[in-house]
Amino acid sequence: MEAFVSAVNDVVWSNALIYLCLGAGLFYSVLTRFAQVRHFKEMCKLLFSPNTSDKGISSFQALAVSLSGRVGVGNIAGVAAAIGFGGPGAIFWMWVVAFLGASTAYAESTLGQIYKTEENGQYRGGPAYYFDRCLGQKWLAVLFAVSAIIACGVFLPGVQANAVGNAFTQVFGDGNMVTTSFGDVGSFKLVALAIILIVLAFIIFGGIKRIANFTQIVVPFMALGYIVLALIVVFINLDKVGDIFYLIISDAFTAQAGFGAAIGWGVKRGIYSNEAGQGTGPHAAAAAEVDHPAQQGLVQAFSVYVDTIFVCTATALMILITQQYNVVGELPAGQFIVQNVDAATEVGSAAFTQMALFSVFGSFGQAFVGIALFFFAFTTILAYYFIAETNIAYLNRYFKGSIPLVIVKFVIMFMVAYGMVNNSGYIWTIGDIGVGLMAWINILGILAIFFVAKPALLCLSDYEEQKKKGGKIIFDPVKLGIKNATFWEKRLAKQSKDAE
């Protein structure tokens, strides 16, 4: 089974996808004249826009929901895996992915806003919607929706839960061993699983509002606390920081683990972490209540910075400064290029991060990583559910009924349980396949949309022009030549009628 999963992953995550992700980011960066830099101040301002409604959530809530998907296991265990398999230079390529990916996040999230719909009193949108409405390719929309449901409902939740289980074991040990279908499992891990399933069921049966209200409190609090601890580690070892940045940048091109390994792991873990181009961010972006689609596109671009430049860098600095890591060579298999810690330490887990904080803060640091991982992973699972729910809502126009959504809720809960108690090493590989499938479809789709209609760029130019003139911001898709943006057409007509 593991060999088959690895073979599929090698096909999905070929060099073609890695360079396509980088190329798409560069493509939109150039076309938007590096909006991710030019509009940084505007991004920060838009974060705290008070707009909300019974049907939509605020920009900050949408940011929190999307960050709950972006800030997860990839920021703690994923960074450790990137260093362990790709060397310190992999972090440089994570930065590159974040910088370029911010423009991809702008484009896809703006498209999510332009082509969103109102269904059963909630805003819905995402790649399936803009492939349908902009490209007119229903088959591609259905293909993405199905792949998103499979990835977010089946493949990805187990990765988050598996990392939580490993972190709990690292902090608390196994406790009494309990025999299950997957082998012997520690009682502490089972207690953690029970807590996750109970709270998960309560929230996912409450809809997007309940998810948004939960994530807007938990995500900023945990991310800030995590970054504060990282800053303490940095300040304690301030004399080493220059050498660490030199190591990251120099190794990006000389690469301890090989140049291809550094790029491959840096890009793969970067995309897994910040999700730019993957097609997940537009779902939360579409749910936001905004005056103009470009506003939420810029907010989502900022979320990539928060995820990678802040949180992932915090993890990398802690691991590298304290030298709590190993680097594994590909050939011969299992040979260490760098070995600073016990050879038995699992490279693809959060162990490096926990060991780094333990070396500075003792047992508190190790426990904090476990707690942070618990909340990061849990909120990411919520985001996965929301994405699966949105794509089921899209497919419901073809296959009516409420049963598919109920099935997905229980499947996600089952996969959380499976991932938590299963110690198989290929659980991360399964997650990579899920990410890769969505990324292939979404990136090819948004590149095709540019050549068909350029709506994301038209939106940005329109927003910039209105900001220069001052006054009330509105969005008129017909004026811009954007077709099938029916939600905005109806909103503008209503605003005009109310003004009479």
Protein backbone atom coordinates (compact mmCIF):
# COMPACT_ATOMS: atom_id res chain seq x y z
CA MET A 1 0.00 0.00 0.00
CA GLU A 2 2.72 2.44 0.99
CA ALA A 3 4.62 1.77 -2.24
CA PHE A 4 1.48 2.43 -4.31
CA VAL A 5 0.73 5.71 -2.47
CA SER A 6 4.35 6.86 -2.97
CA ALA A 7 4.20 6.04 -6.68
CA VAL A 8 1.00 8.08 -7.12
CA ASN A 9 2.53 10.97 -5.17
CA ASP A 10 5.62 10.94 -7.41
CA VAL A 11 3.38 11.36 -10.45
CA VAL A 12 1.23 14.12 -8.91
CA TRP A 13 4.22 15.98 -7.44
CA SER A 14 6.46 15.76 -10.47
CA ASN A 15 8.79 18.64 -11.29
CA ALA A 16 6.11 19.93 -13.65
CA LEU A 17 3.78 20.84 -10.75
CA ILE A 18 6.60 22.37 -8.71
CA TYR A 19 7.63 24.71 -11.51
CA LEU A 20 4.02 25.37 -12.50
CA CYS A 21 3.32 26.65 -8.97
CA LEU A 22 6.37 28.93 -9.08
CA GLY A 23 5.56 30.00 -12.64
CA ALA A 24 1.94 30.88 -11.85
CA GLY A 25 3.07 33.00 -8.91
CA LEU A 26 5.63 34.83 -11.03
CA PHE A 27 3.08 35.26 -13.84
CA TYR A 28 0.51 36.98 -11.62
CA SER A 29 3.18 38.93 -9.72
CA VAL A 30 4.36 40.56 -12.94
CA LEU A 31 0.84 41.17 -14.27
CA THR A 32 -0.33 42.79 -11.01
CA ARG A 33 2.94 44.77 -10.84
CA PHE A 34 3.72 42.98 -7.59
CA ALA A 35 0.51 44.01 -5.86
CA GLN A 36 1.60 41.90 -2.88
CA VAL A 37 4.24 44.58 -2.24
CA ARG A 38 2.55 47.74 -3.55
CA HIS A 39 -0.63 47.21 -1.53
CA PHE A 40 0.82 45.88 1.71
CA LYS A 41 -0.49 48.89 3.68
CA GLU A 42 -3.93 48.48 2.11
CA MET A 43 -3.96 44.78 3.05
CA CYS A 44 -3.42 45.65 6.72
CA LYS A 45 -6.14 48.30 6.58
CA LEU A 46 -8.68 45.98 4.97
CA LEU A 47 -8.17 43.30 7.64
CA PHE A 48 -10.31 45.21 10.08
CA SER A 49 -13.13 46.21 7.76
CA PRO A 50 -16.32 45.91 9.86
CA ASN A 51 -18.51 44.67 6.98
CA THR A 52 -20.60 41.66 7.89
CA SER A 53 -24.15 40.42 7.33
CA ASP A 54 -26.48 37.53 8.04
CA LYS A 55 -25.31 35.96 4.79
CA GLY A 56 -21.60 36.77 4.89
CA ILE A 57 -18.72 37.09 7.32
CA SER A 58 -16.29 39.97 7.84
CA SER A 59 -12.94 40.26 6.08
CA PHE A 60 -11.16 39.41 9.32
CA GLN A 61 -13.37 36.36 9.88
CA ALA A 62 -12.72 35.25 6.30
CA LEU A 63 -9.00 35.74 6.95
CA ALA A 64 -9.30 33.67 10.14
CA VAL A 65 -11.16 30.88 8.34
CA SER A 66 -8.62 30.80 5.51
CA LEU A 67 -5.72 31.06 7.98
CA SER A 68 -7.22 28.17 9.92
CA GLY A 69 -6.62 26.18 6.74
CA ARG A 70 -3.21 27.70 6.04
CA VAL A 71 -1.82 27.74 9.59
CA GLY A 72 -1.72 24.10 10.58
CA VAL A 73 0.53 21.09 10.72
CA GLY A 74 2.49 22.41 7.74
CA ASN A 75 3.78 25.30 9.84
CA ILE A 76 5.18 23.08 12.59
CA ALA A 77 5.70 19.54 11.34
CA GLY A 78 5.85 20.54 7.65
CA VAL A 79 8.72 22.97 8.18
CA ALA A 80 10.59 20.33 10.17
CA ALA A 81 10.05 17.86 7.31
CA ALA A 82 11.29 20.40 4.76
CA ILE A 83 14.51 20.88 6.73
CA GLY A 84 14.88 17.16 7.45
CA PHE A 85 14.54 16.08 3.82
CA GLY A 86 15.59 19.20 1.90
CA GLY A 87 18.12 20.83 4.22
CA PRO A 88 18.01 24.42 5.57
CA GLY A 89 17.91 25.74 2.00
CA ALA A 90 14.35 24.43 1.64
CA ILE A 91 13.23 27.35 3.85
CA PHE A 92 14.45 29.84 1.24
CA TRP A 93 12.24 28.19 -1.36
CA MET A 94 9.32 28.31 1.07
CA TRP A 95 9.87 32.09 1.20
CA VAL A 96 9.94 32.28 -2.59
CA VAL A 97 6.70 30.32 -2.80
CA ALA A 98 5.10 32.66 -0.26
CA PHE A 99 6.22 35.84 -1.99
CA LEU A 100 5.12 34.72 -5.44
CA GLY A 101 2.16 32.77 -4.09
CA ALA A 102 0.68 35.91 -2.53
CA SER A 103 -0.16 37.13 -6.04
CA THR A 104 -1.69 33.75 -6.90
CA ALA A 105 -3.75 33.96 -3.70
CA TYR A 106 -4.92 37.44 -4.76
CA ALA A 107 -6.02 36.19 -8.18
CA GLU A 108 -7.85 33.06 -7.03
CA SER A 109 -9.53 34.76 -4.05
CA THR A 110 -10.67 37.72 -6.16
CA LEU A 111 -12.16 35.26 -8.63
CA GLY A 112 -13.89 33.54 -5.71
CA GLN A 113 -15.53 36.86 -4.80
CA ILE A 114 -16.47 37.85 -8.36
CA TYR A 115 -18.30 34.63 -9.14
CA LYS A 116 -19.78 33.84 -5.74
CA THR A 117 -23.46 33.06 -5.30
CA GLU A 118 -25.99 33.22 -2.50
CA GLU A 119 -27.34 29.79 -1.61
CA ASN A 120 -29.65 29.01 1.30
CA GLY A 121 -28.82 32.28 3.02
CA GLN A 122 -25.01 31.88 2.74
CA TYR A 123 -22.39 33.13 0.31
CA ARG A 124 -20.72 30.34 -1.64
CA GLY A 125 -17.80 30.42 -4.05
CA GLY A 126 -14.53 28.85 -5.05
CA PRO A 127 -12.77 27.32 -8.06
CA ALA A 128 -15.77 25.18 -9.04
CA TYR A 129 -17.88 28.33 -9.27
CA TYR A 130 -15.40 30.41 -11.28
CA PHE A 131 -14.53 27.56 -13.63
CA ASP A 132 -18.24 27.21 -14.34
CA ARG A 133 -19.18 30.89 -14.58
CA CYS A 134 -16.04 32.38 -16.10
CA LEU A 135 -14.64 29.59 -18.27
CA GLY A 136 -18.02 28.00 -18.91
CA GLN A 137 -16.41 24.60 -18.34
CA LYS A 138 -18.83 22.70 -16.14
CA TRP A 139 -16.81 19.49 -16.47
CA LEU A 140 -13.76 21.22 -15.01
CA ALA A 141 -15.87 22.70 -12.22
CA VAL A 142 -17.28 19.27 -11.35
CA LEU A 143 -13.78 17.74 -11.53
CA PHE A 144 -12.41 20.31 -9.07
CA ALA A 145 -15.41 19.95 -6.75
CA VAL A 146 -15.02 16.18 -6.63
CA SER A 147 -11.24 16.40 -6.09
CA ALA A 148 -11.72 19.00 -3.32
CA ILE A 149 -14.28 16.83 -1.53
CA ILE A 150 -11.97 13.81 -1.74
CA ALA A 151 -8.87 15.79 -0.72
CA CYS A 152 -10.42 17.85 2.08
CA GLY A 153 -12.91 15.26 3.23
CA VAL A 154 -10.74 12.14 3.01
CA PHE A 155 -7.02 12.69 2.38
CA LEU A 156 -6.10 15.79 4.40
CA PRO A 157 -7.88 15.54 7.79
CA GLY A 158 -5.84 12.45 8.71
CA VAL A 159 -2.57 14.37 8.28
CA GLN A 160 -3.61 17.01 10.80
CA ALA A 161 -4.90 14.44 13.28
CA ASN A 162 -1.79 12.27 12.91
CA ALA A 163 0.46 15.20 13.83
CA VAL A 164 -1.68 15.99 16.88
CA GLY A 165 -1.45 12.37 18.02
CA ASN A 166 2.34 12.34 17.62
CA ALA A 167 2.66 15.63 19.52
CA PHE A 168 0.56 14.34 22.41
CA THR A 169 2.72 11.23 22.61
CA GLN A 170 5.86 13.37 22.58
CA VAL A 171 4.56 15.45 25.51
CA PHE A 172 2.60 13.01 27.64
CA GLY A 173 3.90 9.62 26.57
CA ASP A 174 1.63 6.73 25.66
CA GLY A 175 -0.17 6.02 28.91
CA ASN A 176 -1.84 2.63 29.05
CA MET A 177 -1.79 0.82 25.72
CA VAL A 178 -5.15 -0.05 24.18
CA THR A 179 -5.50 -2.62 21.40
CA THR A 180 -7.32 -1.32 18.30
CA SER A 181 -7.73 -2.41 14.67
CA PHE A 182 -4.66 -0.32 13.85
CA GLY A 183 -2.51 -1.83 16.58
CA ASP A 184 -1.78 -0.73 20.12
CA VAL A 185 -2.60 2.92 20.81
CA GLY A 186 -1.77 4.95 23.91
CA SER A 187 -4.69 5.91 26.16
CA PHE A 188 -3.61 9.59 26.18
CA LYS A 189 -3.90 9.71 22.41
CA LEU A 190 -7.39 8.20 22.60
CA VAL A 191 -8.47 10.82 25.14
CA ALA A 192 -7.22 13.58 22.81
CA LEU A 193 -9.11 11.94 19.93
CA ALA A 194 -12.36 11.86 21.91
CA ILE A 195 -12.05 15.58 22.71
CA ILE A 196 -11.38 16.45 19.07
CA LEU A 197 -14.34 14.44 17.77
CA ILE A 198 -16.81 15.90 20.28
CA VAL A 199 -15.83 19.52 19.63
CA LEU A 200 -15.55 18.91 15.88
CA ALA A 201 -19.06 17.50 15.69
CA PHE A 202 -20.46 20.46 17.65
CA ILE A 203 -18.88 23.01 15.31
CA ILE A 204 -19.30 21.43 11.87
CA PHE A 205 -22.99 20.88 12.48
CA GLY A 206 -23.28 24.64 13.18
CA GLY A 207 -22.26 26.03 9.77
CA ILE A 208 -19.82 28.72 8.59
CA LYS A 209 -20.83 31.29 11.25
CA ARG A 210 -19.87 28.94 14.06
CA ILE A 211 -16.62 28.03 12.30
CA ALA A 212 -15.80 31.73 11.75
CA ASN A 213 -16.58 32.70 15.35
CA PHE A 214 -14.34 29.93 16.67
CA THR A 215 -11.40 30.47 14.33
CA GLN A 216 -11.29 34.27 14.67
CA ILE A 217 -10.48 33.81 18.36
CA VAL A 218 -8.28 30.71 18.34
CA VAL A 219 -6.10 31.27 15.26
CA PRO A 220 -4.75 34.78 16.06
CA PHE A 221 -4.20 33.87 19.73
CA MET A 222 -2.24 30.69 19.03
CA ALA A 223 -0.27 32.17 16.11
CA LEU A 224 0.74 35.20 18.18
CA GLY A 225 1.73 33.06 21.16
CA TYR A 226 3.78 30.79 18.92
CA ILE A 227 5.58 33.72 17.29
CA VAL A 228 6.31 35.29 20.71
CA LEU A 229 8.06 32.10 21.88
CA ALA A 230 10.03 32.01 18.64
CA LEU A 231 11.11 35.64 19.14
CA ILE A 232 12.32 34.80 22.65
CA VAL A 233 14.43 31.98 21.22
CA VAL A 234 15.80 34.39 18.59
CA PHE A 235 16.67 37.12 21.10
CA ILE A 236 18.36 34.66 23.43
CA ASN A 237 20.51 33.54 20.49
CA LEU A 238 20.73 36.89 18.67
CA ASP A 239 24.40 36.36 17.86
CA LYS A 240 23.53 33.28 15.79
CA VAL A 241 20.75 34.81 13.67
CA GLY A 242 23.04 36.20 10.96
CA ASP A 243 24.73 32.84 10.51
CA ILE A 244 21.36 31.07 10.32
CA PHE A 245 20.07 33.34 7.54
CA TYR A 246 23.35 32.88 5.69
CA LEU A 247 22.97 29.10 6.07
CA ILE A 248 19.41 29.19 4.70
CA ILE A 249 20.28 31.36 1.69
CA SER A 250 23.58 29.68 0.82
CA ASP A 251 22.12 26.19 1.20
CA ALA A 252 19.26 27.12 -1.12
CA PHE A 253 21.74 26.99 -4.01
CA THR A 254 24.42 24.58 -2.80
CA ALA A 255 21.91 22.38 -0.93
CA GLN A 256 23.12 19.86 1.62
CA ALA A 257 20.42 17.44 0.51
CA GLY A 258 20.78 18.24 -3.18
CA PHE A 259 19.50 21.24 -5.16
CA GLY A 260 16.43 19.40 -6.40
CA ALA A 261 15.57 18.19 -2.91
CA ALA A 262 15.79 21.72 -1.49
CA ILE A 263 13.50 23.18 -4.16
CA GLY A 264 11.17 20.19 -4.17
CA TRP A 265 10.66 20.04 -0.42
CA GLY A 266 10.61 23.82 -0.05
CA VAL A 267 7.95 24.28 -2.73
CA LYS A 268 5.92 21.23 -1.70
CA ARG A 269 5.83 22.12 1.99
CA GLY A 270 5.37 25.79 1.13
CA ILE A 271 2.28 25.08 -0.95
CA TYR A 272 1.02 22.61 1.63
CA SER A 273 1.44 25.27 4.31
CA ASN A 274 0.26 28.51 2.70
CA GLU A 275 -2.07 26.85 0.13
CA ALA A 276 -1.52 29.61 -2.45
CA GLY A 277 -2.67 28.26 -5.81
CA GLN A 278 -4.18 25.18 -4.25
CA GLY A 279 -7.72 26.51 -4.60
CA THR A 280 -8.68 26.31 -0.92
CA GLY A 281 -8.43 30.02 -0.01
CA PRO A 282 -11.15 31.21 -2.44
CA HIS A 283 -13.82 29.29 -0.53
CA ALA A 284 -13.38 31.42 2.60
CA ALA A 285 -12.76 34.54 0.51
CA ALA A 286 -16.11 34.13 -1.23
CA ALA A 287 -17.93 34.00 2.12
CA ALA A 288 -16.75 37.51 3.07
CA GLU A 289 -18.97 40.58 2.95
CA VAL A 290 -17.00 43.22 1.03
CA ASP A 291 -17.65 46.23 -1.20
CA HIS A 292 -15.30 45.09 -3.96
CA PRO A 293 -13.83 41.66 -4.86
CA ALA A 294 -10.27 43.02 -4.97
CA GLN A 295 -10.47 43.86 -1.28
CA GLN A 296 -10.79 40.25 -0.23
CA GLY A 297 -8.18 39.24 -2.77
CA LEU A 298 -5.67 41.53 -1.07
CA VAL A 299 -6.64 40.26 2.39
CA GLN A 300 -6.04 36.69 1.26
CA ALA A 301 -2.67 37.67 -0.21
CA PHE A 302 -1.72 38.97 3.23
CA SER A 303 -2.71 35.65 4.81
CA VAL A 304 0.08 33.95 2.83
CA TYR A 305 2.59 36.28 4.49
CA VAL A 306 1.20 35.50 7.93
CA ASP A 307 1.43 31.79 7.28
CA THR A 308 4.88 31.47 5.74
CA ILE A 309 6.88 34.62 6.40
CA PHE A 310 5.79 34.81 10.04
CA VAL A 311 4.79 31.38 11.38
CA CYS A 312 6.90 29.09 9.17
CA THR A 313 9.96 31.29 9.57
CA ALA A 314 9.43 31.25 13.34
CA THR A 315 9.52 27.44 13.28
CA ALA A 316 12.58 27.33 11.02
CA LEU A 317 14.58 29.77 13.15
CA MET A 318 13.81 27.85 16.35
CA ILE A 319 14.91 24.54 14.82
CA LEU A 320 18.05 25.86 13.14
CA ILE A 321 19.23 28.14 15.96
CA THR A 322 18.98 25.34 18.52
CA GLN A 323 20.33 22.80 15.97
CA GLN A 324 17.62 20.32 16.85
CA TYR A 325 17.40 18.66 13.45
CA ASN A 326 18.81 16.01 11.14
CA VAL A 327 19.04 16.08 7.35
CA VAL A 328 18.42 12.78 5.58
CA GLY A 329 20.05 12.00 2.25
CA GLU A 330 18.11 10.34 -0.57
CA LEU A 331 20.99 8.11 -1.64
CA PRO A 332 21.89 5.92 0.07
CA ALA A 333 18.48 5.82 1.70
CA GLY A 334 18.40 6.75 5.37
CA GLN A 335 21.95 8.10 5.55
CA PHE A 336 22.25 11.35 7.50
CA ILE A 337 23.94 14.30 5.84
CA VAL A 338 23.57 16.24 9.08
CA GLN A 339 22.84 14.58 12.42
CA ASN A 340 22.38 16.73 15.50
CA VAL A 341 19.75 14.65 17.33
CA ASP A 342 18.90 11.01 17.91
CA ALA A 343 18.64 9.05 14.65
CA ALA A 344 15.33 7.56 15.84
CA THR A 345 13.65 11.01 15.78
CA GLU A 346 10.93 11.04 13.13
CA VAL A 347 11.88 13.57 10.45
CA GLY A 348 8.37 14.18 9.15
CA SER A 349 6.84 14.99 12.54
CA ALA A 350 6.78 18.00 14.89
CA ALA A 351 9.55 16.43 17.01
CA PHE A 352 12.27 18.85 15.79
CA THR A 353 10.11 21.82 16.78
CA GLN A 354 9.25 20.36 20.17
CA MET A 355 12.88 19.54 20.85
CA ALA A 356 13.92 23.08 19.86
CA LEU A 357 11.54 24.66 22.35
CA PHE A 358 12.37 22.07 25.00
CA SER A 359 16.05 23.04 24.74
CA VAL A 360 15.11 26.62 25.68
CA PHE A 361 11.93 26.41 27.77
CA GLY A 362 12.11 22.87 29.09
CA SER A 363 8.91 20.85 29.38
CA PHE A 364 6.78 24.01 28.99
CA GLY A 365 8.09 24.57 25.46
CA GLN A 366 7.47 20.98 24.48
CA ALA A 367 3.94 21.09 25.89
CA PHE A 368 3.22 24.43 24.19
CA VAL A 369 4.04 22.97 20.77
CA GLY A 370 1.69 20.09 21.50
CA ILE A 371 -1.10 22.51 22.47
CA ALA A 372 -0.42 24.82 19.51
CA LEU A 373 -0.40 21.87 17.16
CA PHE A 374 -3.70 20.71 18.62
CA PHE A 375 -5.41 24.04 17.89
CA PHE A 376 -3.69 24.66 14.55
CA ALA A 377 -4.61 21.19 13.34
CA PHE A 378 -8.14 21.37 14.71
CA THR A 379 -8.93 24.69 13.03
CA THR A 380 -7.43 23.36 9.80
CA ILE A 381 -9.78 20.39 9.94
CA LEU A 382 -12.66 22.87 10.31
CA ALA A 383 -11.44 24.70 7.21
CA TYR A 384 -11.26 21.41 5.32
CA TYR A 385 -14.83 20.66 6.28
CA PHE A 386 -15.99 24.10 5.08
CA ILE A 387 -14.27 23.56 1.72
CA ALA A 388 -15.85 20.13 1.32
CA GLU A 389 -19.26 21.56 2.28
CA THR A 390 -18.95 24.37 -0.28
CA ASN A 391 -18.12 21.96 -3.09
CA ILE A 392 -20.99 19.69 -2.12
CA ALA A 393 -23.23 22.77 -2.31
CA TYR A 394 -21.97 23.33 -5.85
CA LEU A 395 -22.63 19.72 -6.87
CA ASN A 396 -26.09 19.87 -5.32
CA ARG A 397 -27.29 21.78 -8.36
CA TYR A 398 -26.77 18.52 -10.26
CA PHE A 399 -27.42 15.98 -7.50
CA LYS A 400 -30.08 17.25 -5.11
CA GLY A 401 -30.21 16.07 -1.51
CA SER A 402 -28.79 16.63 1.96
CA ILE A 403 -27.41 13.11 2.43
CA PRO A 404 -23.98 13.77 0.77
CA LEU A 405 -23.20 16.53 3.27
CA VAL A 406 -24.09 14.33 6.22
CA ILE A 407 -21.91 11.56 4.80
CA VAL A 408 -18.95 13.95 4.44
CA LYS A 409 -19.31 15.08 8.06
CA PHE A 410 -19.04 11.51 9.29
CA VAL A 411 -16.26 10.64 6.80
CA ILE A 412 -14.17 13.57 8.07
CA MET A 413 -14.68 12.44 11.65
CA PHE A 414 -13.69 8.90 10.68
CA MET A 415 -10.56 10.11 8.87
CA VAL A 416 -9.59 12.17 11.91
CA ALA A 417 -9.85 9.04 14.03
CA TYR A 418 -7.94 7.01 11.42
CA GLY A 419 -5.14 9.55 11.16
CA MET A 420 -4.85 9.94 14.93
CA VAL A 421 -4.33 6.26 15.71
CA ASN A 422 -2.57 5.14 12.52
CA ASN A 423 1.22 5.19 12.71
CA SER A 424 1.80 4.44 9.02
CA GLY A 425 4.41 6.72 7.49
CA TYR A 426 2.44 7.28 4.28
CA ILE A 427 -0.26 9.42 5.96
CA TRP A 428 1.67 12.57 4.93
CA THR A 429 2.07 11.23 1.39
CA ILE A 430 -1.70 10.78 1.13
CA GLY A 431 -2.10 14.42 2.17
CA ASP A 432 0.41 15.50 -0.47
CA ILE A 433 -1.64 13.73 -3.15
CA GLY A 434 -4.76 15.61 -2.03
CA VAL A 435 -2.94 18.96 -2.18
CA GLY A 436 -1.39 18.15 -5.54
CA LEU A 437 -4.66 17.14 -7.20
CA MET A 438 -6.33 20.44 -6.31
CA ALA A 439 -3.24 22.48 -7.19
CA TRP A 440 -2.99 20.97 -10.70
CA ILE A 441 -6.62 21.73 -11.54
CA ASN A 442 -6.76 25.17 -9.91
CA ILE A 443 -3.50 26.60 -11.26
CA LEU A 444 -4.18 25.45 -14.82
CA GLY A 445 -7.70 26.86 -14.46
CA ILE A 446 -6.73 30.34 -13.21
CA LEU A 447 -4.08 30.61 -15.92
CA ALA A 448 -6.73 29.72 -18.51
CA ILE A 449 -9.10 32.31 -17.00
CA PHE A 450 -6.50 35.03 -17.55
CA PHE A 451 -6.29 34.28 -21.25
CA VAL A 452 -10.09 34.13 -21.51
CA ALA A 453 -11.23 37.16 -19.50
CA LYS A 454 -8.57 38.66 -17.14
CA PRO A 455 -11.24 39.43 -14.49
CA ALA A 456 -8.85 39.46 -11.49
CA LEU A 457 -6.63 42.06 -13.16
CA LEU A 458 -9.61 44.16 -14.27
CA CYS A 459 -10.81 44.13 -10.65
CA LEU A 460 -7.46 45.31 -9.34
CA SER A 461 -7.22 48.17 -11.84
CA ASP A 462 -10.80 49.23 -11.08
CA TYR A 463 -10.19 49.17 -7.32
CA GLU A 464 -6.96 51.17 -7.64
CA GLU A 465 -8.70 53.78 -9.81
CA GLN A 466 -11.59 54.17 -7.37
CA LYS A 467 -9.18 54.49 -4.42
CA LYS A 468 -7.35 57.32 -6.20
CA LYS A 469 -10.60 59.19 -6.90
CA GLY A 470 -11.92 58.67 -3.38
CA GLY A 471 -15.57 58.25 -2.45
CA LYS A 472 -17.68 55.13 -2.09
CA ILE A 473 -16.23 51.90 -3.49
CA ILE A 474 -18.58 49.92 -5.73
CA PHE A 475 -18.15 47.03 -8.12
CA ASP A 476 -19.85 47.08 -11.51
CA PRO A 477 -18.91 43.90 -13.43
CA VAL A 478 -20.88 44.89 -16.55
CA LYS A 479 -18.92 48.16 -16.84
CA LEU A 480 -15.68 46.15 -16.71
CA GLY A 481 -16.91 43.63 -19.26
CA ILE A 482 -17.03 40.80 -16.72
CA LYS A 483 -19.84 38.39 -17.51
CA ASN A 484 -21.84 36.03 -15.27
CA ALA A 485 -21.01 37.88 -12.03
CA THR A 486 -24.73 37.72 -11.27
CA PHE A 487 -24.41 38.26 -7.51
CA TRP A 488 -22.74 41.64 -8.03
CA GLU A 489 -25.09 42.62 -10.84
CA LYS A 490 -28.09 42.04 -8.57
CA ARG A 491 -26.42 43.88 -5.67
CA LEU A 492 -25.67 46.92 -7.83
CA ALA A 493 -29.22 46.96 -9.20
CA LYS A 494 -30.60 46.86 -5.64
CA GLN A 495 -28.27 49.66 -4.53
CA SER A 496 -29.37 51.81 -7.47
CA LYS A 497 -33.04 51.16 -6.71
CA ASP A 498 -32.59 51.99 -3.01
CA ALA A 499 -30.82 55.24 -3.95
CA GLU A 500 -33.78 56.43 -6.06
